[in-house]
Amino acid sequence: MGETKPNDRPALERHDVTPGIVKAVDSTPDTDPSPRSF
């Protein structure tokens, strides 16, 4: 079970990357004048 803990650590780092992707999506609407297309 000790090996499970190390695996959880990398998962947390991935969560930090998720916010970065969300910001990129926010920029997409700015380029597209019609958010309804989304």
N, C-alpha and C. Protein backbone atom coordinates (compact mmCIF):
# COMPACT_ATOMS: atom_id res chain seq x y z
N MET A 1 0.85 -1.22 0.00
CA MET A 1 0.00 0.00 0.00
C MET A 1 0.88 1.26 0.00
N GLY A 2 2.12 1.10 0.48
CA GLY A 2 3.03 2.26 0.52
C GLY A 2 3.25 2.82 -0.88
N GLU A 3 3.22 1.95 -1.88
CA GLU A 3 3.45 2.43 -3.26
C GLU A 3 2.28 3.31 -3.74
N THR A 4 1.13 3.13 -3.15
CA THR A 4 -0.04 3.92 -3.58
C THR A 4 0.16 5.41 -3.24
N LYS A 5 0.81 5.67 -2.12
CA LYS A 5 1.02 7.09 -1.71
C LYS A 5 1.85 7.84 -2.77
N PRO A 6 2.98 7.31 -3.19
CA PRO A 6 3.81 8.00 -4.22
C PRO A 6 2.99 8.27 -5.48
N ASN A 7 2.10 7.37 -5.82
CA ASN A 7 1.29 7.56 -7.04
C ASN A 7 0.34 8.75 -6.86
N ASP A 8 -0.12 8.96 -5.64
CA ASP A 8 -1.05 10.08 -5.39
C ASP A 8 -0.33 11.41 -5.57
N ARG A 9 0.93 11.45 -5.24
CA ARG A 9 1.68 12.73 -5.35
C ARG A 9 1.68 13.23 -6.79
N PRO A 10 2.03 12.41 -7.76
CA PRO A 10 2.03 12.85 -9.17
C PRO A 10 0.64 13.34 -9.59
N ALA A 11 -0.39 12.70 -9.07
CA ALA A 11 -1.77 13.08 -9.44
C ALA A 11 -2.01 14.54 -9.02
N LEU A 12 -1.52 14.92 -7.86
CA LEU A 12 -1.72 16.32 -7.39
C LEU A 12 -1.06 17.27 -8.37
N GLU A 13 0.13 16.90 -8.84
CA GLU A 13 0.83 17.79 -9.80
C GLU A 13 0.00 17.94 -11.07
N ARG A 14 -0.67 16.89 -11.48
CA ARG A 14 -1.49 16.97 -12.70
C ARG A 14 -2.63 17.97 -12.48
N HIS A 15 -3.15 18.00 -11.27
CA HIS A 15 -4.26 18.95 -10.99
C HIS A 15 -3.78 20.39 -11.21
N ASP A 16 -2.51 20.64 -10.86
CA ASP A 16 -1.97 22.01 -11.04
C ASP A 16 -1.95 22.37 -12.53
N VAL A 17 -1.75 21.36 -13.36
CA VAL A 17 -1.69 21.62 -14.82
C VAL A 17 -3.11 21.88 -15.35
N THR A 18 -4.09 21.27 -14.72
CA THR A 18 -5.48 21.45 -15.19
C THR A 18 -5.86 22.93 -15.22
N PRO A 19 -5.61 23.69 -14.15
CA PRO A 19 -5.96 25.13 -14.15
C PRO A 19 -5.36 25.85 -15.36
N GLY A 20 -4.15 25.47 -15.72
CA GLY A 20 -3.49 26.11 -16.87
C GLY A 20 -4.30 25.87 -18.15
N ILE A 21 -4.82 24.65 -18.29
CA ILE A 21 -5.61 24.33 -19.51
C ILE A 21 -6.91 25.15 -19.48
N VAL A 22 -7.48 25.31 -18.29
CA VAL A 22 -8.74 26.07 -18.18
C VAL A 22 -8.52 27.50 -18.68
N LYS A 23 -7.37 28.07 -18.33
CA LYS A 23 -7.08 29.46 -18.76
C LYS A 23 -7.06 29.52 -20.29
N ALA A 24 -6.49 28.50 -20.91
CA ALA A 24 -6.40 28.47 -22.38
C ALA A 24 -7.82 28.46 -22.96
N VAL A 25 -8.72 27.74 -22.33
CA VAL A 25 -10.11 27.68 -22.82
C VAL A 25 -10.76 29.06 -22.69
N ASP A 26 -10.43 29.77 -21.62
CA ASP A 26 -11.00 31.12 -21.43
C ASP A 26 -10.60 32.03 -22.59
N SER A 27 -9.38 31.82 -23.08
CA SER A 27 -8.88 32.66 -24.19
C SER A 27 -9.61 32.31 -25.49
N THR A 28 -10.05 31.07 -25.61
CA THR A 28 -10.73 30.64 -26.84
C THR A 28 -11.99 31.48 -27.10
N PRO A 29 -12.86 31.62 -26.09
CA PRO A 29 -14.08 32.43 -26.28
C PRO A 29 -13.74 33.84 -26.76
N ASP A 30 -12.63 34.40 -26.26
CA ASP A 30 -12.23 35.76 -26.67
C ASP A 30 -12.01 35.81 -28.18
N THR A 31 -11.42 34.74 -28.71
CA THR A 31 -11.15 34.71 -30.16
C THR A 31 -12.45 34.50 -30.93
N ASP A 32 -13.32 33.66 -30.36
CA ASP A 32 -14.60 33.40 -31.05
C ASP A 32 -15.67 34.37 -30.55
N PRO A 33 -16.17 35.25 -31.40
CA PRO A 33 -17.18 36.23 -30.98
C PRO A 33 -18.50 35.53 -30.64
N SER A 34 -18.68 34.28 -31.11
CA SER A 34 -19.96 33.59 -30.83
C SER A 34 -19.72 32.43 -29.86
N PRO A 35 -19.85 32.68 -28.57
CA PRO A 35 -19.66 31.62 -27.55
C PRO A 35 -20.74 30.55 -27.70
N ARG A 36 -21.82 30.87 -28.38
CA ARG A 36 -22.91 29.89 -28.55
C ARG A 36 -22.39 28.67 -29.33
N SER A 37 -21.39 28.89 -30.17
CA SER A 37 -20.83 27.78 -30.96
C SER A 37 -20.32 26.69 -30.02
N PHE A 38 -19.81 27.14 -28.85
CA PHE A 38 -19.30 26.19 -27.87
C PHE A 38 -20.47 25.34 -27.43
